[in-house]
């Protein structure tokens, strides 16, 4: 199916500017170049990218509107239920699930905490390093590797929280290690939360739930 027939693209500039009756195009440095001097292959690539981006932006805006309508509809439902029963739907963190009467469609709202680390993280790292330096060759390679991995940042500059949590599971009889674990625990803090909406469907009530993905990478 031709996606172009399904919805209208966002209006994007065509990248061509008219000056004194002649066409010019901006290059990546912001300079104007006569359109007749731009290679046909570059023009074709420019047109293709602009066409795709027009639909991508339109789809992004449509998804944003869908998100807002979804949350508004669920909030309205929650208000009605709260008014009728005097209770609020959802668990301690706000997670909640809605199912169609026939049990074939399900909408789930998940609330995940957003975590960050305070200045105690640097203190924990120094204490862990002191332990490793003193233990030297006696330090178990696995523990050394876990500490190194835990404090390494990923491509986005984020600390590996899962690896940091794993350090707390090791029972090491060393005052500095225990202080490091305490500092690590104090460094962890919740800075907010984010809501996610998941959609599932199934053909019969005995079938497994199948996700309805609106993630482009999973379509």
C-alpha atoms as a PDB file:
ATOM      1  CA  UNK A   1       0.000   0.000   0.000  1.00  0.00           C
ATOM      2  CA  UNK A   2       1.265   3.461  -0.839  1.00  0.00           C
ATOM      3  CA  UNK A   3       1.708   5.308   2.446  1.00  0.00           C
ATOM      4  CA  UNK A   4       1.362   8.622   0.613  1.00  0.00           C
ATOM      5  CA  UNK A   5      -2.370   8.031   0.169  1.00  0.00           C
ATOM      6  CA  UNK A   6      -3.046   7.419   3.868  1.00  0.00           C
ATOM      7  CA  UNK A   7      -2.435  10.875   5.368  1.00  0.00           C
ATOM      8  CA  UNK A   8      -1.203  14.277   4.345  1.00  0.00           C
ATOM      9  CA  UNK A   9       2.443  15.219   4.906  1.00  0.00           C
ATOM     10  CA  UNK A  10       3.565  18.269   6.834  1.00  0.00           C
ATOM     11  CA  UNK A  11       4.267  21.280   4.655  1.00  0.00           C
ATOM     12  CA  UNK A  12       8.032  21.666   4.359  1.00  0.00           C
ATOM     13  CA  UNK A  13       9.950  24.292   2.377  1.00  0.00           C
ATOM     14  CA  UNK A  14      11.190  22.942  -0.924  1.00  0.00           C
ATOM     15  CA  UNK A  15      14.680  24.281  -0.306  1.00  0.00           C
ATOM     16  CA  UNK A  16      14.610  26.470  -3.406  1.00  0.00           C
ATOM     17  CA  UNK A  17      14.837  30.248  -3.252  1.00  0.00           C
ATOM     18  CA  UNK A  18      14.109  32.583  -6.147  1.00  0.00           C
ATOM     19  CA  UNK A  19      16.462  35.532  -6.668  1.00  0.00           C
ATOM     20  CA  UNK A  20      16.216  37.774  -9.703  1.00  0.00           C
ATOM     21  CA  UNK A  21      14.172  35.131 -11.481  1.00  0.00           C
ATOM     22  CA  UNK A  22      16.714  32.366 -10.883  1.00  0.00           C
ATOM     23  CA  UNK A  23      16.571  29.360  -8.567  1.00  0.00           C
ATOM     24  CA  UNK A  24      19.066  28.954  -5.751  1.00  0.00           C
ATOM     25  CA  UNK A  25      19.527  26.292  -3.086  1.00  0.00           C
ATOM     26  CA  UNK A  26      21.097  26.617   0.348  1.00  0.00           C
ATOM     27  CA  UNK A  27      23.968  24.236   1.029  1.00  0.00           C
ATOM     28  CA  UNK A  28      24.807  22.795   4.448  1.00  0.00           C
ATOM     29  CA  UNK A  29      26.943  25.857   5.243  1.00  0.00           C
ATOM     30  CA  UNK A  30      24.076  28.214   4.560  1.00  0.00           C
ATOM     31  CA  UNK A  31      25.497  29.467   1.292  1.00  0.00           C
ATOM     32  CA  UNK A  32      23.262  30.045  -1.724  1.00  0.00           C
ATOM     33  CA  UNK A  33      24.222  28.078  -4.786  1.00  0.00           C
ATOM     34  CA  UNK A  34      22.621  28.323  -8.231  1.00  0.00           C
ATOM     35  CA  UNK A  35      20.236  25.390  -8.575  1.00  0.00           C
ATOM     36  CA  UNK A  36      21.539  24.688 -12.055  1.00  0.00           C
ATOM     37  CA  UNK A  37      24.974  23.956 -10.566  1.00  0.00           C
ATOM     38  CA  UNK A  38      23.637  21.432  -8.045  1.00  0.00           C
ATOM     39  CA  UNK A  39      24.116  17.852  -9.241  1.00  0.00           C
ATOM     40  CA  UNK A  40      20.906  16.024 -10.278  1.00  0.00           C
ATOM     41  CA  UNK A  41      21.694  13.237  -7.807  1.00  0.00           C
ATOM     42  CA  UNK A  42      21.891  15.788  -4.960  1.00  0.00           C
ATOM     43  CA  UNK A  43      18.607  17.362  -6.042  1.00  0.00           C
ATOM     44  CA  UNK A  44      16.914  13.956  -6.151  1.00  0.00           C
ATOM     45  CA  UNK A  45      18.249  13.107  -2.688  1.00  0.00           C
ATOM     46  CA  UNK A  46      17.055  16.472  -1.365  1.00  0.00           C
ATOM     47  CA  UNK A  47      13.554  15.955  -2.761  1.00  0.00           C
ATOM     48  CA  UNK A  48      13.339  12.390  -1.435  1.00  0.00           C
ATOM     49  CA  UNK A  49      14.467  13.369   2.068  1.00  0.00           C
ATOM     50  CA  UNK A  50      12.024  16.301   2.188  1.00  0.00           C
ATOM     51  CA  UNK A  51       9.158  14.057   1.038  1.00  0.00           C
ATOM     52  CA  UNK A  52       9.903  11.406   3.662  1.00  0.00           C
ATOM     53  CA  UNK A  53      10.411  13.999   6.395  1.00  0.00           C
ATOM     54  CA  UNK A  54       7.067  15.584   5.526  1.00  0.00           C
ATOM     55  CA  UNK A  55       5.304  12.327   6.304  1.00  0.00           C
ATOM     56  CA  UNK A  56       7.549  11.594   9.310  1.00  0.00           C
ATOM     57  CA  UNK A  57       6.777  14.962  10.913  1.00  0.00           C
ATOM     58  CA  UNK A  58       3.065  14.546  10.205  1.00  0.00           C
ATOM     59  CA  UNK A  59       3.120  11.082  11.772  1.00  0.00           C
ATOM     60  CA  UNK A  60       5.053  12.380  14.786  1.00  0.00           C
ATOM     61  CA  UNK A  61       2.475  15.129  15.318  1.00  0.00           C
ATOM     62  CA  UNK A  62      -0.357  12.617  14.904  1.00  0.00           C
ATOM     63  CA  UNK A  63       1.228  10.329  17.518  1.00  0.00           C
ATOM     64  CA  UNK A  64       1.577  13.282  19.905  1.00  0.00           C
ATOM     65  CA  UNK A  65      -2.118  14.070  19.480  1.00  0.00           C
ATOM     66  CA  UNK A  66      -2.961  10.379  19.942  1.00  0.00           C
ATOM     67  CA  UNK A  67      -0.963  10.316  23.193  1.00  0.00           C
ATOM     68  CA  UNK A  68      -2.771  13.376  24.548  1.00  0.00           C
ATOM     69  CA  UNK A  69      -6.211  12.030  23.579  1.00  0.00           C
ATOM     70  CA  UNK A  70      -5.379   8.632  25.090  1.00  0.00           C
ATOM     71  CA  UNK A  71      -4.323  10.102  28.425  1.00  0.00           C
ATOM     72  CA  UNK A  72      -7.303  12.470  28.457  1.00  0.00           C
ATOM     73  CA  UNK A  73      -9.706   9.581  27.808  1.00  0.00           C
ATOM     74  CA  UNK A  74      -8.142   7.419  30.523  1.00  0.00           C
ATOM     75  CA  UNK A  75      -8.091  10.308  33.004  1.00  0.00           C
ATOM     76  CA  UNK A  76     -11.777  10.929  32.304  1.00  0.00           C
ATOM     77  CA  UNK A  77     -12.530   7.242  32.879  1.00  0.00           C
ATOM     78  CA  UNK A  78     -10.528   7.279  36.118  1.00  0.00           C
ATOM     79  CA  UNK A  79     -12.442  10.325  37.339  1.00  0.00           C
ATOM     80  CA  UNK A  80     -15.779   8.641  36.619  1.00  0.00           C
ATOM     81  CA  UNK A  81     -14.710   5.456  38.397  1.00  0.00           C
ATOM     82  CA  UNK A  82     -13.386   7.422  41.354  1.00  0.00           C
ATOM     83  CA  UNK A  83     -16.646   9.341  41.574  1.00  0.00           C
ATOM     84  CA  UNK A  84     -18.696   6.154  41.402  1.00  0.00           C
ATOM     85  CA  UNK A  85     -16.635   3.956  43.730  1.00  0.00           C
ATOM     86  CA  UNK A  86     -14.665   6.463  45.754  1.00  0.00           C
ATOM     87  CA  UNK A  87     -11.309   4.880  44.877  1.00  0.00           C
ATOM     88  CA  UNK A  88      -8.587   5.610  42.354  1.00  0.00           C
ATOM     89  CA  UNK A  89      -7.656   2.989  39.772  1.00  0.00           C
ATOM     90  CA  UNK A  90      -4.048   1.898  39.788  1.00  0.00           C
ATOM     91  CA  UNK A  91      -1.273   0.592  42.009  1.00  0.00           C
ATOM     92  CA  UNK A  92       1.074   2.484  44.332  1.00  0.00           C
ATOM     93  CA  UNK A  93       3.118   3.850  41.433  1.00  0.00           C
ATOM     94  CA  UNK A  94       0.110   4.696  39.294  1.00  0.00           C
ATOM     95  CA  UNK A  95       0.328   1.603  37.069  1.00  0.00           C
ATOM     96  CA  UNK A  96      -3.081   0.615  35.775  1.00  0.00           C
ATOM     97  CA  UNK A  97      -4.681  -1.727  33.247  1.00  0.00           C
ATOM     98  CA  UNK A  98      -7.882  -1.377  31.230  1.00  0.00           C
ATOM     99  CA  UNK A  99      -9.488  -4.320  29.401  1.00  0.00           C
ATOM    100  CA  UNK A 100     -12.355  -4.445  26.934  1.00  0.00           C
ATOM    101  CA  UNK A 101     -15.512  -6.251  28.073  1.00  0.00           C
ATOM    102  CA  UNK A 102     -14.808  -9.219  25.782  1.00  0.00           C
ATOM    103  CA  UNK A 103     -11.235  -9.497  27.120  1.00  0.00           C
ATOM    104  CA  UNK A 104      -9.637  -9.121  23.702  1.00  0.00           C
ATOM    105  CA  UNK A 105      -8.090  -5.661  23.998  1.00  0.00           C
ATOM    106  CA  UNK A 106      -5.945  -4.238  26.751  1.00  0.00           C
ATOM    107  CA  UNK A 107      -4.430  -0.831  27.462  1.00  0.00           C
ATOM    108  CA  UNK A 108      -1.784  -0.620  30.174  1.00  0.00           C
ATOM    109  CA  UNK A 109      -0.301   2.501  31.709  1.00  0.00           C
ATOM    110  CA  UNK A 110       3.084   2.006  33.346  1.00  0.00           C
ATOM    111  CA  UNK A 111       4.821   4.625  35.444  1.00  0.00           C
ATOM    112  CA  UNK A 112       8.597   4.258  35.649  1.00  0.00           C
ATOM    113  CA  UNK A 113      10.724   6.236  38.057  1.00  0.00           C
ATOM    114  CA  UNK A 114      13.539   8.317  36.576  1.00  0.00           C
ATOM    115  CA  UNK A 115      16.758   7.894  38.535  1.00  0.00           C
ATOM    116  CA  UNK A 116      19.854   9.996  38.907  1.00  0.00           C
ATOM    117  CA  UNK A 117      22.934   9.943  41.128  1.00  0.00           C
ATOM    118  CA  UNK A 118      24.062  12.531  43.659  1.00  0.00           C
ATOM    119  CA  UNK A 119      27.610  13.591  44.631  1.00  0.00           C
ATOM    120  CA  UNK A 120      27.909  10.556  46.900  1.00  0.00           C
ATOM    121  CA  UNK A 121      28.589   8.537  43.731  1.00  0.00           C
ATOM    122  CA  UNK A 122      32.117   9.991  43.449  1.00  0.00           C
ATOM    123  CA  UNK A 123      32.787   9.120  47.102  1.00  0.00           C
ATOM    124  CA  UNK A 124      31.598   5.553  46.504  1.00  0.00           C
ATOM    125  CA  UNK A 125      33.903   5.245  43.490  1.00  0.00           C
ATOM    126  CA  UNK A 126      36.930   6.445  45.481  1.00  0.00           C
ATOM    127  CA  UNK A 127      36.212   3.989  48.287  1.00  0.00           C
ATOM    128  CA  UNK A 128      35.787   1.085  45.869  1.00  0.00           C
ATOM    129  CA  UNK A 129      39.066   2.067  44.179  1.00  0.00           C
ATOM    130  CA  UNK A 130      40.847   2.155  47.542  1.00  0.00           C
ATOM    131  CA  UNK A 131      39.673  -1.370  48.218  1.00  0.00           C
ATOM    132  CA  UNK A 132      40.891  -2.601  44.843  1.00  0.00           C
ATOM    133  CA  UNK A 133      44.258  -0.855  45.137  1.00  0.00           C
ATOM    134  CA  UNK A 134      44.923  -2.361  48.535  1.00  0.00           C
ATOM    135  CA  UNK A 135      43.758  -5.817  47.555  1.00  0.00           C
ATOM    136  CA  UNK A 136      45.834  -5.517  44.369  1.00  0.00           C
ATOM    137  CA  UNK A 137      46.432  -8.936  42.844  1.00  0.00           C
ATOM    138  CA  UNK A 138      44.353 -10.591  45.540  1.00  0.00           C
ATOM    139  CA  UNK A 139      41.210  -8.866  44.270  1.00  0.00           C
ATOM    140  CA  UNK A 140      38.927 -11.267  42.455  1.00  0.00           C
ATOM    141  CA  UNK A 141      38.957 -10.428  38.708  1.00  0.00           C
ATOM    142  CA  UNK A 142      35.159 -10.710  38.565  1.00  0.00           C
ATOM    143  CA  UNK A 143      34.669  -8.054  41.263  1.00  0.00           C
ATOM    144  CA  UNK A 144      37.272  -5.794  39.643  1.00  0.00           C
ATOM    145  CA  UNK A 145      35.463  -6.131  36.316  1.00  0.00           C
ATOM    146  CA  UNK A 146      32.059  -5.406  37.859  1.00  0.00           C
ATOM    147  CA  UNK A 147      33.311  -2.239  39.550  1.00  0.00           C
ATOM    148  CA  UNK A 148      34.930  -1.027  36.341  1.00  0.00           C
ATOM    149  CA  UNK A 149      31.799  -1.764  34.318  1.00  0.00           C
ATOM    150  CA  UNK A 150      29.496  -0.196  36.899  1.00  0.00           C
ATOM    151  CA  UNK A 151      31.189   3.180  36.821  1.00  0.00           C
ATOM    152  CA  UNK A 152      31.749   3.293  33.071  1.00  0.00           C
ATOM    153  CA  UNK A 153      29.309   5.490  31.198  1.00  0.00           C
ATOM    154  CA  UNK A 154      27.498   4.438  28.045  1.00  0.00           C
ATOM    155  CA  UNK A 155      27.453   6.349  24.765  1.00  0.00           C
ATOM    156  CA  UNK A 156      24.899   8.753  26.230  1.00  0.00           C
ATOM    157  CA  UNK A 157      27.064   9.436  29.284  1.00  0.00           C
ATOM    158  CA  UNK A 158      24.818   7.473  31.636  1.00  0.00           C
ATOM    159  CA  UNK A 159      26.017   5.293  34.483  1.00  0.00           C
ATOM    160  CA  UNK A 160      25.092   1.592  34.368  1.00  0.00           C
ATOM    161  CA  UNK A 161      22.532   1.539  37.187  1.00  0.00           C
ATOM    162  CA  UNK A 162      22.021  -2.239  37.032  1.00  0.00           C
ATOM    163  CA  UNK A 163      25.745  -2.884  37.528  1.00  0.00           C
ATOM    164  CA  UNK A 164      25.849  -0.400  40.397  1.00  0.00           C
ATOM    165  CA  UNK A 165      22.978  -2.202  42.109  1.00  0.00           C
ATOM    166  CA  UNK A 166      24.828  -5.493  41.732  1.00  0.00           C
ATOM    167  CA  UNK A 167      27.691  -4.114  43.855  1.00  0.00           C
ATOM    168  CA  UNK A 168      25.318  -3.947  46.816  1.00  0.00           C
ATOM    169  CA  UNK A 169      24.772  -7.706  46.694  1.00  0.00           C
ATOM    170  CA  UNK A 170      28.410  -8.531  47.514  1.00  0.00           C
ATOM    171  CA  UNK A 171      29.105  -9.080  51.196  1.00  0.00           C
ATOM    172  CA  UNK A 172      32.684  -7.912  51.696  1.00  0.00           C
ATOM    173  CA  UNK A 173      34.117  -7.672  55.213  1.00  0.00           C
ATOM    174  CA  UNK A 174      35.819  -4.337  54.746  1.00  0.00           C
ATOM    175  CA  UNK A 175      34.778  -1.052  56.376  1.00  0.00           C
ATOM    176  CA  UNK A 176      35.553   0.964  53.248  1.00  0.00           C
ATOM    177  CA  UNK A 177      33.555  -1.409  51.060  1.00  0.00           C
ATOM    178  CA  UNK A 178      30.551  -1.108  53.366  1.00  0.00           C
ATOM    179  CA  UNK A 179      30.900   2.692  53.437  1.00  0.00           C
ATOM    180  CA  UNK A 180      31.119   2.664  49.648  1.00  0.00           C
ATOM    181  CA  UNK A 181      27.894   0.680  49.459  1.00  0.00           C
ATOM    182  CA  UNK A 182      26.225   3.134  51.859  1.00  0.00           C
ATOM    183  CA  UNK A 183      27.432   6.073  49.759  1.00  0.00           C
ATOM    184  CA  UNK A 184      26.172   4.349  46.627  1.00  0.00           C
ATOM    185  CA  UNK A 185      22.765   3.786  48.206  1.00  0.00           C
ATOM    186  CA  UNK A 186      22.571   7.438  49.307  1.00  0.00           C
ATOM    187  CA  UNK A 187      23.612   8.604  45.843  1.00  0.00           C
ATOM    188  CA  UNK A 188      20.589   7.021  44.172  1.00  0.00           C
ATOM    189  CA  UNK A 189      17.591   9.288  43.976  1.00  0.00           C
ATOM    190  CA  UNK A 190      14.328   9.528  42.079  1.00  0.00           C
ATOM    191  CA  UNK A 191      14.096  12.756  40.084  1.00  0.00           C
ATOM    192  CA  UNK A 192      10.716  12.172  38.477  1.00  0.00           C
ATOM    193  CA  UNK A 193       8.622   9.660  36.609  1.00  0.00           C
ATOM    194  CA  UNK A 194       7.496   8.922  33.080  1.00  0.00           C
ATOM    195  CA  UNK A 195       4.285   7.310  31.883  1.00  0.00           C
ATOM    196  CA  UNK A 196       4.247   4.680  29.151  1.00  0.00           C
ATOM    197  CA  UNK A 197       1.163   3.310  27.424  1.00  0.00           C
ATOM    198  CA  UNK A 198       1.187  -0.266  26.125  1.00  0.00           C
ATOM    199  CA  UNK A 199      -1.424  -1.783  23.821  1.00  0.00           C
ATOM    200  CA  UNK A 200      -2.242  -5.482  23.451  1.00  0.00           C
ATOM    201  CA  UNK A 201      -4.796  -7.614  21.636  1.00  0.00           C
ATOM    202  CA  UNK A 202      -5.655 -11.275  21.180  1.00  0.00           C
ATOM    203  CA  UNK A 203      -8.047 -13.261  19.009  1.00  0.00           C
ATOM    204  CA  UNK A 204      -9.617 -15.270  21.838  1.00  0.00           C
ATOM    205  CA  UNK A 205      -9.411 -15.122  25.620  1.00  0.00           C
ATOM    206  CA  UNK A 206      -7.266 -18.273  25.599  1.00  0.00           C
ATOM    207  CA  UNK A 207      -4.649 -16.774  23.282  1.00  0.00           C
ATOM    208  CA  UNK A 208      -1.564 -14.914  24.425  1.00  0.00           C
ATOM    209  CA  UNK A 209      -1.575 -11.149  24.379  1.00  0.00           C
ATOM    210  CA  UNK A 210       0.095  -9.704  21.289  1.00  0.00           C
ATOM    211  CA  UNK A 211       1.537  -6.176  21.456  1.00  0.00           C
ATOM    212  CA  UNK A 212       0.166  -3.478  19.161  1.00  0.00           C
ATOM    213  CA  UNK A 213       3.345  -1.535  18.535  1.00  0.00           C
ATOM    214  CA  UNK A 214       3.430   2.138  17.619  1.00  0.00           C
ATOM    215  CA  UNK A 215       7.229   2.129  17.776  1.00  0.00           C
ATOM    216  CA  UNK A 216       8.499   2.529  14.209  1.00  0.00           C
ATOM    217  CA  UNK A 217      11.476   0.265  14.931  1.00  0.00           C
ATOM    218  CA  UNK A 218       9.148  -2.561  15.979  1.00  0.00           C
ATOM    219  CA  UNK A 219       6.481  -2.327  13.285  1.00  0.00           C
END
